[in-house]
Protein backbone atom coordinates (compact mmCIF):
# COMPACT_ATOMS: atom_id res chain seq x y z
CA MET A 1 0.00 0.00 0.00
CA ILE A 2 1.35 3.39 -1.01
CA HIS A 3 0.95 6.31 1.39
CA TRP A 4 0.34 9.58 -0.47
CA PRO A 5 1.74 12.12 -1.18
CA ALA A 6 5.01 10.73 -2.46
CA ILE A 7 7.97 11.63 -4.64
CA ILE A 8 9.37 9.93 -7.70
CA GLU A 9 13.15 9.56 -7.68
CA PHE A 10 14.25 9.29 -11.30
CA ALA A 11 16.95 6.66 -11.82
CA ASP A 12 18.65 8.59 -14.63
CA GLY A 13 19.64 11.39 -12.27
CA GLN A 14 16.96 13.77 -13.52
CA GLY A 15 15.81 14.62 -10.02
CA TYR A 16 12.48 14.22 -8.30
CA ALA A 17 8.79 14.85 -8.84
CA TRP A 18 6.05 15.39 -6.25
CA VAL A 19 2.91 13.29 -6.75
CA ALA A 20 -0.35 13.16 -4.82
CA SER A 21 -1.82 10.02 -6.40
CA ALA A 22 -1.19 7.06 -8.70
CA GLU A 23 -2.73 9.01 -11.57
CA GLU A 24 -0.10 11.72 -11.19
CA VAL A 25 2.69 9.13 -11.22
CA ALA A 26 1.67 8.07 -14.73
CA GLU A 27 1.78 11.71 -15.90
CA HIS A 28 5.53 11.78 -15.22
CA ARG A 29 6.11 8.76 -17.47
CA PRO A 30 8.36 6.86 -15.08
CA ARG A 31 10.81 4.36 -16.49
CA ASP A 32 12.15 1.07 -15.22
CA GLY A 33 14.38 1.69 -12.23
CA ASP A 34 12.68 4.87 -11.02
CA ARG A 35 11.56 4.74 -7.39
CA LEU A 36 8.46 6.00 -5.67
CA LEU A 37 9.22 7.15 -2.12
CA ASP A 38 6.03 7.34 -0.09
CA SER A 39 5.05 9.24 3.04
CA SER A 40 5.69 6.25 5.28
CA GLY A 41 9.33 5.97 4.20
CA GLN A 42 8.76 2.95 1.97
CA ALA A 43 10.49 2.74 -1.41
CA HIS A 44 8.69 1.17 -4.37
CA LEU A 45 10.55 0.23 -7.54
CA LEU A 46 8.59 1.37 -10.61
CA SER A 47 8.37 -0.55 -13.86
CA GLN A 48 6.15 -0.55 -16.93
CA GLN A 49 4.05 -3.60 -17.54
CA THR A 50 2.56 -4.53 -20.88
CA GLY A 51 -0.32 -2.30 -21.88
CA ASP A 52 1.27 0.80 -20.31
CA GLU A 53 0.20 -0.29 -16.83
CA LEU A 54 2.54 0.87 -14.09
CA TYR A 55 3.76 -1.64 -11.54
CA CYS A 56 5.08 -0.65 -8.10
CA GLN A 57 7.15 -3.26 -6.30
CA PRO A 58 7.73 -2.53 -2.60
CA GLN A 59 11.40 -2.71 -1.65
CA PRO A 60 12.46 -4.38 1.60
CA GLN A 61 14.74 -1.56 2.74
CA LEU A 62 13.66 1.86 3.92
CA VAL A 63 14.88 5.01 2.25
CA SER A 64 18.41 6.11 3.24
CA LEU A 65 18.22 9.73 4.41
CA LEU A 66 21.94 10.14 3.73
CA GLU A 67 21.50 9.18 0.06
CA LEU A 68 18.24 11.11 -0.22
CA ASN A 69 19.84 14.30 1.13
CA ALA A 70 22.70 14.00 -1.36
CA GLY A 71 20.24 13.57 -4.24
CA LEU A 72 18.04 16.43 -3.07
CA ARG A 73 21.04 18.76 -2.79
CA GLU A 74 22.07 17.90 -6.35
CA TYR A 75 18.50 18.39 -7.59
CA ALA A 76 18.13 21.75 -5.82
CA ALA A 77 21.47 22.92 -7.24
CA SER A 78 20.35 21.95 -10.76
CA LEU A 79 17.34 24.24 -10.24
CA GLY A 80 19.58 27.15 -9.26
CA VAL A 81 18.98 27.05 -5.51
CA CYS A 82 21.95 28.45 -3.59
CA CYS A 83 23.45 27.21 -0.31
CA THR A 84 22.48 23.60 -1.01
CA SER A 85 25.23 22.34 1.29
CA LYS A 86 23.01 23.42 4.19
CA LEU A 87 19.97 21.63 2.79
CA THR A 88 19.06 18.67 5.00
CA VAL A 89 15.85 16.76 5.55
CA ARG A 90 15.32 14.60 8.63
CA THR A 91 12.25 12.70 7.49
CA LEU A 92 10.71 11.59 4.24
CA ALA A 93 7.78 13.91 4.96
CA GLU A 94 10.26 16.82 4.92
CA ALA A 95 11.74 15.52 1.65
CA ILE A 96 8.30 15.35 0.06
CA ALA A 97 7.51 18.90 1.21
CA LEU A 98 10.89 20.11 -0.09
CA VAL A 99 10.31 18.62 -3.56
CA ALA A 100 6.84 20.22 -3.66
CA TRP A 101 8.42 23.58 -2.75
CA LEU A 102 11.23 23.21 -5.30
CA GLU A 103 8.70 22.51 -8.05
CA GLN A 104 7.00 25.84 -7.29
CA GLN A 105 10.23 27.85 -7.61
């Protein structure tokens, strides 16, 4: 079960996207290897099934905040945000809120 809202972490290094529902996930056209990080801290590996149906496979490990912070800093810097070295989230809820804020900038 996915807890919304969530963020998509693109495997190709293209950053993150905030999503409120499964319908919004499809709008971002995720590819094999992208991950959905939900509000509970659970990671789900995304893959396309035949017929354009999206499949989310829960991963056994929780999201690493160390890795997530590094990725979020890189993403924020790519958007032109300054002082990204100070950017740190302590929870996945904070990460989801940060991605939502970054998308509005």
